[in-house]
Amino acid sequence: STTGLGNGCPVTTSTGVVVPVAEAGTGGFTIPISTPFTLAASATATGSPTFCWEEADRGSAGAPDSPVGNAPIFRSFDPTAGPTRTFPKASDLLNNVHTIGELLPSYARTLSFKVTVRDVQAGGIGVANDTISFRVAAAGPFVVTSPNTGVSWPGGSQQTVTWNVAGTTATPVNCASVNLRLSTD
């Protein structure tokens, strides 16, 4: 539910601040358990927008690393100029580290997120938000089985990479193709 909209168009407040239009994307999809994901927003803004993604689930209180039910599993971070956020943080994934309050979903559930757009402009800041929800299925996770540790390959050589789809090609995930990328750093 986007706030601050007039028929899907930005509106101007009595102080002259233009309220941005925020769009969190289309939800309703399903991801496998223990799978990182990226959410991307868009905004119609007149100034310099920043984006803050936050999990909007309200679940039972408990230990941050032992969620149950619909408890939130991702923390909020400072707003950024970029409209996308990877869950957990991409730097944690690349360095194989864990930040408290950032957990991959380990059981079937629904996840809900809110993006807040703050548009800094002459005369003030316009603020709007939008939400997105999707499901986590008890399928997966998809895993690269070989190689799955650090390797050294000669430049220009051909290598074999194998993976296990772990049920992610079936309903409800329905992943029909794979895009593997090699990071050389």
N, C-alpha and C. Protein backbone atom coordinates (compact mmCIF):
# COMPACT_ATOMS: atom_id res chain seq x y z
N SER A 1 0.84 -1.18 0.00
CA SER A 1 0.00 0.00 0.00
C SER A 1 0.88 1.23 0.00
N THR A 2 1.00 1.89 -1.11
CA THR A 2 1.84 3.07 -1.22
C THR A 2 1.14 4.26 -0.58
N THR A 3 1.90 5.04 0.18
CA THR A 3 1.32 6.21 0.82
C THR A 3 1.73 7.46 0.07
N GLY A 4 0.97 8.50 0.22
CA GLY A 4 1.30 9.78 -0.35
C GLY A 4 0.99 9.89 -1.83
N LEU A 5 0.06 9.11 -2.34
CA LEU A 5 -0.22 9.13 -3.76
C LEU A 5 -1.57 9.76 -4.06
N GLY A 6 -1.61 10.41 -5.19
CA GLY A 6 -2.87 10.93 -5.71
C GLY A 6 -3.08 10.30 -7.07
N ASN A 7 -3.91 9.30 -7.18
CA ASN A 7 -4.17 8.59 -8.43
C ASN A 7 -2.89 8.05 -9.06
N GLY A 8 -1.94 7.55 -8.24
CA GLY A 8 -0.71 6.99 -8.75
C GLY A 8 0.32 8.02 -9.17
N CYS A 9 0.07 9.30 -8.90
CA CYS A 9 0.99 10.37 -9.28
C CYS A 9 1.49 11.06 -8.02
N PRO A 10 2.70 11.64 -8.10
CA PRO A 10 3.19 12.40 -6.94
C PRO A 10 2.24 13.55 -6.62
N VAL A 11 2.16 13.86 -5.35
CA VAL A 11 1.35 15.00 -4.92
C VAL A 11 2.26 16.02 -4.25
N THR A 12 1.85 17.27 -4.26
CA THR A 12 2.63 18.33 -3.65
C THR A 12 1.92 18.74 -2.36
N THR A 13 2.70 18.82 -1.27
CA THR A 13 2.13 19.22 0.01
C THR A 13 1.97 20.74 0.04
N SER A 14 1.32 21.24 1.08
CA SER A 14 1.10 22.68 1.21
C SER A 14 2.42 23.43 1.39
N THR A 15 3.50 22.73 1.78
CA THR A 15 4.80 23.38 1.94
C THR A 15 5.61 23.32 0.65
N GLY A 16 5.06 22.72 -0.42
CA GLY A 16 5.76 22.65 -1.69
C GLY A 16 6.60 21.40 -1.89
N VAL A 17 6.60 20.51 -0.91
CA VAL A 17 7.36 19.27 -1.03
C VAL A 17 6.56 18.29 -1.87
N VAL A 18 7.22 17.68 -2.85
CA VAL A 18 6.57 16.68 -3.70
C VAL A 18 6.77 15.32 -3.04
N VAL A 19 5.67 14.65 -2.75
CA VAL A 19 5.73 13.32 -2.15
C VAL A 19 6.06 12.31 -3.25
N PRO A 20 7.10 11.48 -3.07
CA PRO A 20 7.48 10.55 -4.12
C PRO A 20 6.46 9.41 -4.25
N VAL A 21 6.56 8.68 -5.35
CA VAL A 21 5.80 7.45 -5.53
C VAL A 21 6.77 6.30 -5.30
N ALA A 22 6.44 5.39 -4.38
CA ALA A 22 7.29 4.25 -4.06
C ALA A 22 6.66 2.98 -4.60
N GLU A 23 7.48 2.09 -5.16
CA GLU A 23 7.00 0.81 -5.68
C GLU A 23 7.96 -0.29 -5.25
N ALA A 24 7.45 -1.24 -4.45
CA ALA A 24 8.28 -2.34 -3.92
C ALA A 24 8.35 -3.53 -4.86
N GLY A 25 7.60 -3.51 -5.94
CA GLY A 25 7.62 -4.65 -6.85
C GLY A 25 6.40 -5.53 -6.65
N THR A 26 6.33 -6.58 -7.45
CA THR A 26 5.20 -7.50 -7.40
C THR A 26 5.57 -8.71 -6.56
N GLY A 27 4.78 -9.00 -5.56
CA GLY A 27 5.01 -10.15 -4.71
C GLY A 27 4.27 -11.37 -5.21
N GLY A 28 4.02 -12.29 -4.30
CA GLY A 28 3.27 -13.48 -4.63
C GLY A 28 4.11 -14.63 -5.15
N PHE A 29 5.41 -14.45 -5.27
CA PHE A 29 6.28 -15.52 -5.74
C PHE A 29 6.72 -16.39 -4.57
N THR A 30 7.46 -17.46 -4.85
CA THR A 30 7.93 -18.39 -3.82
C THR A 30 9.41 -18.64 -4.01
N ILE A 31 10.16 -18.60 -2.91
CA ILE A 31 11.58 -18.94 -2.94
C ILE A 31 11.81 -20.18 -2.09
N PRO A 32 12.91 -20.92 -2.33
CA PRO A 32 13.23 -22.07 -1.49
C PRO A 32 13.80 -21.64 -0.14
N ILE A 33 13.78 -22.54 0.83
CA ILE A 33 14.38 -22.25 2.13
C ILE A 33 15.89 -22.02 1.96
N SER A 34 16.47 -21.35 2.93
CA SER A 34 17.92 -21.12 3.00
C SER A 34 18.50 -20.52 1.74
N THR A 35 17.75 -19.64 1.09
CA THR A 35 18.17 -19.04 -0.17
C THR A 35 18.24 -17.52 -0.04
N PRO A 36 19.41 -16.93 -0.31
CA PRO A 36 19.49 -15.47 -0.35
C PRO A 36 18.61 -14.92 -1.46
N PHE A 37 18.16 -13.68 -1.32
CA PHE A 37 17.31 -13.06 -2.33
C PHE A 37 17.57 -11.56 -2.35
N THR A 38 17.19 -10.93 -3.45
CA THR A 38 17.34 -9.49 -3.61
C THR A 38 15.98 -8.88 -3.94
N LEU A 39 15.65 -7.79 -3.27
CA LEU A 39 14.43 -7.04 -3.57
C LEU A 39 14.83 -5.72 -4.20
N ALA A 40 14.06 -5.29 -5.20
CA ALA A 40 14.36 -4.05 -5.92
C ALA A 40 13.13 -3.15 -5.93
N ALA A 41 13.33 -1.92 -5.54
CA ALA A 41 12.25 -0.92 -5.54
C ALA A 41 12.46 0.05 -6.68
N SER A 42 11.45 0.85 -6.91
CA SER A 42 11.58 1.99 -7.82
C SER A 42 10.84 3.15 -7.20
N ALA A 43 11.19 4.35 -7.65
CA ALA A 43 10.53 5.53 -7.11
C ALA A 43 10.47 6.61 -8.17
N THR A 44 9.38 7.35 -8.13
CA THR A 44 9.27 8.56 -8.92
C THR A 44 9.54 9.69 -7.94
N ALA A 45 10.71 10.33 -8.10
CA ALA A 45 11.13 11.33 -7.14
C ALA A 45 11.61 12.58 -7.88
N THR A 46 11.58 13.72 -7.19
CA THR A 46 12.02 14.97 -7.80
C THR A 46 13.38 15.41 -7.28
N GLY A 47 13.83 14.83 -6.19
CA GLY A 47 15.11 15.21 -5.59
C GLY A 47 16.09 14.06 -5.60
N SER A 48 16.66 13.79 -4.44
CA SER A 48 17.64 12.71 -4.27
C SER A 48 17.05 11.67 -3.33
N PRO A 49 16.47 10.60 -3.88
CA PRO A 49 15.82 9.61 -3.02
C PRO A 49 16.81 8.66 -2.35
N THR A 50 16.45 8.22 -1.15
CA THR A 50 17.14 7.11 -0.49
C THR A 50 16.10 6.03 -0.23
N PHE A 51 16.58 4.79 -0.08
CA PHE A 51 15.71 3.64 0.08
C PHE A 51 16.09 2.87 1.34
N CYS A 52 15.09 2.48 2.11
CA CYS A 52 15.32 1.68 3.32
C CYS A 52 14.37 0.49 3.30
N TRP A 53 14.94 -0.71 3.15
CA TRP A 53 14.16 -1.95 3.17
C TRP A 53 14.10 -2.49 4.59
N GLU A 54 12.90 -2.85 5.05
CA GLU A 54 12.72 -3.40 6.39
C GLU A 54 11.72 -4.54 6.34
N GLU A 55 12.00 -5.59 7.11
CA GLU A 55 11.02 -6.67 7.20
C GLU A 55 9.83 -6.17 8.00
N ALA A 56 8.64 -6.46 7.52
CA ALA A 56 7.42 -5.95 8.15
C ALA A 56 6.65 -7.03 8.91
N ASP A 57 7.25 -8.18 9.14
CA ASP A 57 6.56 -9.24 9.87
C ASP A 57 6.58 -8.97 11.37
N ARG A 58 5.47 -9.31 12.01
CA ARG A 58 5.38 -9.21 13.46
C ARG A 58 5.13 -10.60 14.00
N GLY A 59 6.11 -11.14 14.65
CA GLY A 59 5.98 -12.48 15.19
C GLY A 59 6.27 -12.48 16.66
N SER A 60 6.35 -13.67 17.21
CA SER A 60 6.62 -13.83 18.63
C SER A 60 8.01 -13.32 18.98
N ALA A 61 8.14 -12.74 20.16
CA ALA A 61 9.44 -12.32 20.65
C ALA A 61 10.28 -13.56 20.92
N GLY A 62 11.57 -13.41 20.77
CA GLY A 62 12.46 -14.54 21.03
C GLY A 62 13.89 -14.17 20.72
N ALA A 63 14.76 -15.16 20.79
CA ALA A 63 16.17 -14.95 20.50
C ALA A 63 16.35 -14.60 19.03
N PRO A 64 17.25 -13.67 18.70
CA PRO A 64 17.40 -13.23 17.32
C PRO A 64 17.86 -14.33 16.36
N ASP A 65 18.51 -15.35 16.85
CA ASP A 65 18.98 -16.41 15.96
C ASP A 65 18.15 -17.69 16.05
N SER A 66 16.98 -17.62 16.69
CA SER A 66 16.09 -18.78 16.82
C SER A 66 14.65 -18.37 16.56
N PRO A 67 14.32 -17.98 15.32
CA PRO A 67 12.96 -17.52 15.06
C PRO A 67 11.95 -18.67 15.07
N VAL A 68 10.72 -18.33 15.41
CA VAL A 68 9.61 -19.28 15.32
C VAL A 68 8.44 -18.56 14.67
N GLY A 69 7.58 -19.34 14.01
CA GLY A 69 6.40 -18.75 13.40
C GLY A 69 6.73 -17.66 12.41
N ASN A 70 6.08 -16.52 12.57
CA ASN A 70 6.26 -15.41 11.65
C ASN A 70 7.22 -14.34 12.19
N ALA A 71 8.13 -14.76 13.07
CA ALA A 71 9.08 -13.81 13.65
C ALA A 71 9.97 -13.21 12.57
N PRO A 72 10.31 -11.92 12.69
CA PRO A 72 11.20 -11.31 11.71
C PRO A 72 12.59 -11.94 11.77
N ILE A 73 13.23 -12.05 10.60
CA ILE A 73 14.56 -12.65 10.52
C ILE A 73 15.59 -11.71 9.87
N PHE A 74 15.16 -10.51 9.47
CA PHE A 74 16.07 -9.54 8.87
C PHE A 74 15.92 -8.20 9.56
N ARG A 75 17.04 -7.60 9.91
CA ARG A 75 17.05 -6.31 10.59
C ARG A 75 17.04 -5.17 9.59
N SER A 76 16.84 -3.98 10.10
CA SER A 76 16.87 -2.77 9.30
C SER A 76 18.29 -2.21 9.28
N PHE A 77 18.67 -1.61 8.15
CA PHE A 77 19.94 -0.90 8.03
C PHE A 77 19.66 0.53 7.58
N ASP A 78 20.68 1.37 7.65
CA ASP A 78 20.53 2.76 7.22
C ASP A 78 20.09 2.82 5.76
N PRO A 79 19.34 3.85 5.39
CA PRO A 79 18.93 4.02 3.99
C PRO A 79 20.15 4.17 3.07
N THR A 80 19.96 3.76 1.81
CA THR A 80 21.01 3.87 0.80
C THR A 80 20.46 4.57 -0.44
N ALA A 81 21.35 5.03 -1.29
CA ALA A 81 20.92 5.65 -2.54
C ALA A 81 20.43 4.61 -3.54
N GLY A 82 20.83 3.36 -3.37
CA GLY A 82 20.42 2.30 -4.29
C GLY A 82 19.08 1.70 -3.90
N PRO A 83 18.26 1.35 -4.89
CA PRO A 83 16.92 0.83 -4.60
C PRO A 83 16.87 -0.67 -4.29
N THR A 84 18.00 -1.38 -4.37
CA THR A 84 17.97 -2.83 -4.12
C THR A 84 18.64 -3.17 -2.80
N ARG A 85 18.23 -4.29 -2.24
CA ARG A 85 18.87 -4.84 -1.04
C ARG A 85 18.89 -6.35 -1.17
N THR A 86 20.03 -6.93 -0.88
CA THR A 86 20.18 -8.38 -0.85
C THR A 86 20.05 -8.84 0.59
N PHE A 87 19.33 -9.93 0.79
CA PHE A 87 19.07 -10.50 2.12
C PHE A 87 19.68 -11.89 2.18
N PRO A 88 20.57 -12.20 3.12
CA PRO A 88 21.32 -11.30 3.99
C PRO A 88 22.25 -10.40 3.16
N LYS A 89 22.95 -9.49 3.85
CA LYS A 89 23.83 -8.54 3.17
C LYS A 89 24.79 -9.28 2.24
N ALA A 90 24.98 -8.73 1.05
CA ALA A 90 25.87 -9.35 0.07
C ALA A 90 27.28 -9.51 0.62
N SER A 91 27.76 -8.55 1.40
CA SER A 91 29.11 -8.65 1.97
C SER A 91 29.21 -9.84 2.92
N ASP A 92 28.14 -10.14 3.66
CA ASP A 92 28.14 -11.32 4.53
C ASP A 92 28.19 -12.60 3.72
N LEU A 93 27.42 -12.65 2.64
CA LEU A 93 27.41 -13.84 1.79
C LEU A 93 28.77 -14.08 1.17
N LEU A 94 29.39 -13.02 0.64
CA LEU A 94 30.69 -13.16 -0.02
C LEU A 94 31.80 -13.53 0.95
N ASN A 95 31.69 -13.07 2.19
CA ASN A 95 32.74 -13.34 3.18
C ASN A 95 32.40 -14.49 4.11
N ASN A 96 31.24 -15.13 3.87
CA ASN A 96 30.79 -16.27 4.68
C ASN A 96 30.77 -15.93 6.18
N VAL A 97 30.19 -14.76 6.49
CA VAL A 97 30.04 -14.34 7.88
C VAL A 97 28.56 -14.09 8.17
N HIS A 98 28.22 -13.93 9.43
CA HIS A 98 26.84 -13.76 9.86
C HIS A 98 26.71 -12.49 10.69
N THR A 99 25.78 -11.61 10.32
CA THR A 99 25.45 -10.43 11.10
C THR A 99 24.21 -10.76 11.92
N ILE A 100 24.25 -10.45 13.22
CA ILE A 100 23.10 -10.73 14.06
C ILE A 100 21.87 -10.02 13.50
N GLY A 101 20.75 -10.72 13.49
CA GLY A 101 19.51 -10.17 12.95
C GLY A 101 19.40 -10.34 11.45
N GLU A 102 20.21 -11.20 10.85
CA GLU A 102 20.17 -11.49 9.42
C GLU A 102 20.23 -13.00 9.26
N LEU A 103 19.08 -13.63 9.06
CA LEU A 103 19.02 -15.09 8.94
C LEU A 103 18.32 -15.50 7.66
N LEU A 104 18.84 -16.53 7.02
CA LEU A 104 18.12 -17.10 5.89
C LEU A 104 16.88 -17.82 6.42
N PRO A 105 15.77 -17.77 5.69
CA PRO A 105 14.56 -18.48 6.15
C PRO A 105 14.80 -19.99 6.12
N SER A 106 14.61 -20.64 7.24
CA SER A 106 14.93 -22.07 7.35
C SER A 106 13.70 -22.97 7.40
N TYR A 107 12.50 -22.39 7.27
CA TYR A 107 11.27 -23.18 7.26
C TYR A 107 10.23 -22.45 6.41
N ALA A 108 9.20 -23.18 6.01
CA ALA A 108 8.14 -22.60 5.17
C ALA A 108 7.42 -21.50 5.95
N ARG A 109 7.21 -20.37 5.30
CA ARG A 109 6.58 -19.22 5.93
C ARG A 109 6.30 -18.16 4.89
N THR A 110 5.73 -17.04 5.30
CA THR A 110 5.54 -15.87 4.46
C THR A 110 6.49 -14.79 4.95
N LEU A 111 7.06 -14.03 4.02
CA LEU A 111 7.91 -12.89 4.37
C LEU A 111 7.27 -11.63 3.80
N SER A 112 7.24 -10.57 4.61
CA SER A 112 6.69 -9.28 4.19
C SER A 112 7.74 -8.20 4.43
N PHE A 113 7.90 -7.32 3.44
CA PHE A 113 8.88 -6.25 3.54
C PHE A 113 8.25 -4.92 3.16
N LYS A 114 8.83 -3.85 3.72
CA LYS A 114 8.40 -2.49 3.39
C LYS A 114 9.62 -1.72 2.93
N VAL A 115 9.47 -0.98 1.84
CA VAL A 115 10.53 -0.06 1.42
C VAL A 115 10.02 1.35 1.68
N THR A 116 10.87 2.15 2.32
CA THR A 116 10.55 3.55 2.56
C THR A 116 11.46 4.40 1.69
N VAL A 117 10.87 5.28 0.92
CA VAL A 117 11.60 6.18 0.05
C VAL A 117 11.54 7.57 0.66
N ARG A 118 12.72 8.14 0.89
CA ARG A 118 12.82 9.51 1.40
C ARG A 118 13.45 10.34 0.28
N ASP A 119 12.73 11.31 -0.22
CA ASP A 119 13.17 12.13 -1.35
C ASP A 119 13.59 13.50 -0.83
N VAL A 120 14.90 13.73 -0.72
CA VAL A 120 15.43 15.01 -0.24
C VAL A 120 15.39 16.00 -1.39
N GLN A 121 14.69 17.10 -1.18
CA GLN A 121 14.49 18.09 -2.23
C GLN A 121 14.48 19.48 -1.63
N ALA A 122 14.56 20.47 -2.46
CA ALA A 122 14.50 21.85 -1.97
C ALA A 122 13.20 22.03 -1.20
N GLY A 123 13.29 22.48 0.03
CA GLY A 123 12.10 22.76 0.81
C GLY A 123 11.69 21.64 1.76
N GLY A 124 12.36 20.50 1.70
CA GLY A 124 12.00 19.44 2.65
C GLY A 124 12.25 18.04 2.12
N ILE A 125 11.61 17.10 2.76
CA ILE A 125 11.78 15.69 2.41
C ILE A 125 10.40 15.08 2.19
N GLY A 126 10.20 14.49 1.02
CA GLY A 126 8.97 13.75 0.76
C GLY A 126 9.18 12.29 1.12
N VAL A 127 8.21 11.65 1.73
CA VAL A 127 8.35 10.27 2.19
C VAL A 127 7.17 9.44 1.70
N ALA A 128 7.47 8.23 1.20
CA ALA A 128 6.43 7.29 0.80
C ALA A 128 6.94 5.88 1.04
N ASN A 129 6.03 4.93 1.13
CA ASN A 129 6.46 3.54 1.30
C ASN A 129 5.53 2.61 0.54
N ASP A 130 6.00 1.37 0.36
CA ASP A 130 5.21 0.34 -0.30
C ASP A 130 5.65 -0.99 0.28
N THR A 131 4.81 -2.00 0.16
CA THR A 131 5.10 -3.31 0.74
C THR A 131 5.10 -4.39 -0.33
N ILE A 132 5.75 -5.51 0.01
CA ILE A 132 5.78 -6.69 -0.84
C ILE A 132 5.78 -7.92 0.07
N SER A 133 5.06 -8.96 -0.33
CA SER A 133 5.03 -10.22 0.42
C SER A 133 5.24 -11.37 -0.54
N PHE A 134 5.90 -12.41 -0.04
CA PHE A 134 6.10 -13.63 -0.82
C PHE A 134 6.27 -14.81 0.12
N ARG A 135 6.32 -15.99 -0.44
CA ARG A 135 6.37 -17.21 0.37
C ARG A 135 7.74 -17.87 0.32
N VAL A 136 8.04 -18.61 1.37
CA VAL A 136 9.22 -19.47 1.43
C VAL A 136 8.69 -20.90 1.48
N ALA A 137 9.17 -21.74 0.55
CA ALA A 137 8.71 -23.14 0.48
C ALA A 137 9.72 -24.06 1.16
N ALA A 138 9.25 -25.21 1.57
CA ALA A 138 10.10 -26.21 2.22
C ALA A 138 10.95 -26.98 1.21
N ALA A 139 11.08 -26.47 0.00
CA ALA A 139 11.95 -27.08 -1.01
C ALA A 139 13.34 -26.46 -0.90
N GLY A 140 14.33 -27.19 -1.41
CA GLY A 140 15.68 -26.65 -1.49
C GLY A 140 16.46 -26.82 -0.20
N PRO A 141 17.53 -26.07 -0.09
CA PRO A 141 17.97 -25.04 -1.01
C PRO A 141 18.73 -25.61 -2.20
N PHE A 142 18.73 -24.87 -3.27
CA PHE A 142 19.56 -25.16 -4.43
C PHE A 142 21.02 -25.04 -3.98
N VAL A 143 21.86 -26.02 -4.34
CA VAL A 143 23.26 -25.96 -3.93
C VAL A 143 24.19 -26.37 -5.07
N VAL A 144 25.31 -25.67 -5.17
CA VAL A 144 26.38 -26.09 -6.06
C VAL A 144 27.12 -27.21 -5.32
N THR A 145 27.20 -28.39 -5.93
CA THR A 145 27.82 -29.53 -5.25
C THR A 145 29.30 -29.68 -5.56
N SER A 146 29.74 -29.18 -6.72
CA SER A 146 31.15 -29.28 -7.05
C SER A 146 31.50 -28.22 -8.09
N PRO A 147 32.50 -27.44 -7.89
CA PRO A 147 33.26 -27.33 -6.64
C PRO A 147 32.49 -26.46 -5.65
N ASN A 148 32.60 -26.76 -4.40
CA ASN A 148 31.89 -25.96 -3.41
C ASN A 148 32.84 -25.35 -2.38
N THR A 149 34.11 -25.35 -2.71
CA THR A 149 35.12 -24.70 -1.87
C THR A 149 36.05 -23.91 -2.77
N GLY A 150 36.99 -23.19 -2.19
CA GLY A 150 37.93 -22.40 -2.97
C GLY A 150 38.72 -23.27 -3.94
N VAL A 151 38.82 -22.83 -5.17
CA VAL A 151 39.56 -23.56 -6.19
C VAL A 151 40.45 -22.59 -6.95
N SER A 152 41.42 -23.15 -7.64
CA SER A 152 42.29 -22.36 -8.51
C SER A 152 42.25 -23.00 -9.88
N TRP A 153 41.77 -22.26 -10.87
CA TRP A 153 41.64 -22.77 -12.23
C TRP A 153 42.55 -21.97 -13.16
N PRO A 154 43.18 -22.67 -14.09
CA PRO A 154 43.99 -21.95 -15.08
C PRO A 154 43.09 -21.11 -15.98
N GLY A 155 43.55 -19.91 -16.35
CA GLY A 155 42.78 -19.05 -17.22
C GLY A 155 42.46 -19.72 -18.54
N GLY A 156 41.23 -19.55 -19.03
CA GLY A 156 40.81 -20.10 -20.30
C GLY A 156 40.48 -21.58 -20.28
N SER A 157 40.59 -22.22 -19.12
CA SER A 157 40.30 -23.65 -19.06
C SER A 157 38.80 -23.91 -18.93
N GLN A 158 38.38 -25.10 -19.31
CA GLN A 158 36.99 -25.51 -19.11
C GLN A 158 36.89 -26.32 -17.83
N GLN A 159 35.83 -26.06 -17.08
CA GLN A 159 35.63 -26.74 -15.81
C GLN A 159 34.19 -27.24 -15.74
N THR A 160 33.97 -28.27 -14.96
CA THR A 160 32.63 -28.81 -14.76
C THR A 160 32.10 -28.34 -13.42
N VAL A 161 30.90 -27.80 -13.45
CA VAL A 161 30.21 -27.37 -12.23
C VAL A 161 28.94 -28.20 -12.14
N THR A 162 28.69 -28.79 -10.98
CA THR A 162 27.47 -29.59 -10.79
C THR A 162 26.66 -28.98 -9.66
N TRP A 163 25.34 -29.22 -9.71
CA TRP A 163 24.46 -28.69 -8.69
C TRP A 163 23.31 -29.63 -8.44
N ASN A 164 22.64 -29.39 -7.32
CA ASN A 164 21.46 -30.16 -6.93
C ASN A 164 20.31 -29.17 -6.81
N VAL A 165 19.27 -29.35 -7.62
CA VAL A 165 18.14 -28.43 -7.58
C VAL A 165 17.27 -28.65 -6.34
N ALA A 166 17.39 -29.78 -5.69
CA ALA A 166 16.75 -30.04 -4.39
C ALA A 166 15.25 -29.73 -4.38
N GLY A 167 14.56 -30.13 -5.44
CA GLY A 167 13.11 -29.93 -5.48
C GLY A 167 12.66 -28.55 -5.91
N THR A 168 13.58 -27.67 -6.28
CA THR A 168 13.21 -26.30 -6.63
C THR A 168 12.62 -26.18 -8.03
N THR A 169 12.67 -27.24 -8.83
CA THR A 169 12.05 -27.20 -10.17
C THR A 169 10.56 -27.51 -10.11
N ALA A 170 10.10 -28.04 -8.98
CA ALA A 170 8.70 -28.44 -8.81
C ALA A 170 7.90 -27.31 -8.15
N THR A 171 6.60 -27.46 -8.17
CA THR A 171 5.70 -26.54 -7.50
C THR A 171 5.98 -26.60 -6.00
N PRO A 172 6.02 -25.51 -5.26
CA PRO A 172 5.58 -24.17 -5.64
C PRO A 172 6.70 -23.24 -6.12
N VAL A 173 7.97 -23.68 -6.11
CA VAL A 173 9.05 -22.78 -6.51
C VAL A 173 9.10 -22.62 -8.02
N ASN A 174 9.04 -23.73 -8.76
CA ASN A 174 8.98 -23.72 -10.23
C ASN A 174 10.15 -22.99 -10.90
N CYS A 175 11.37 -23.25 -10.46
CA CYS A 175 12.54 -22.64 -11.07
C CYS A 175 12.94 -23.47 -12.30
N ALA A 176 12.74 -22.92 -13.48
CA ALA A 176 12.96 -23.66 -14.72
C ALA A 176 14.38 -23.54 -15.25
N SER A 177 15.15 -22.57 -14.80
CA SER A 177 16.51 -22.40 -15.32
C SER A 177 17.44 -21.95 -14.20
N VAL A 178 18.75 -22.06 -14.49
CA VAL A 178 19.78 -21.72 -13.52
C VAL A 178 20.74 -20.73 -14.16
N ASN A 179 21.15 -19.73 -13.40
CA ASN A 179 22.14 -18.77 -13.87
C ASN A 179 23.27 -18.78 -12.85
N LEU A 180 24.36 -19.48 -13.16
CA LEU A 180 25.52 -19.54 -12.27
C LEU A 180 26.52 -18.50 -12.71
N ARG A 181 27.11 -17.81 -11.73
CA ARG A 181 28.11 -16.78 -12.03
C ARG A 181 29.38 -17.07 -11.25
N LEU A 182 30.51 -16.86 -11.88
CA LEU A 182 31.80 -17.08 -11.26
C LEU A 182 32.35 -15.75 -10.79
N SER A 183 32.68 -15.67 -9.50
CA SER A 183 33.33 -14.49 -8.94
C SER A 183 34.81 -14.77 -8.88
N THR A 184 35.61 -13.91 -9.50
CA THR A 184 37.06 -14.13 -9.51
C THR A 184 37.78 -13.38 -8.41
N ASP A 185 37.06 -12.69 -7.55
CA ASP A 185 37.72 -11.98 -6.46
C ASP A 185 37.48 -12.68 -5.13
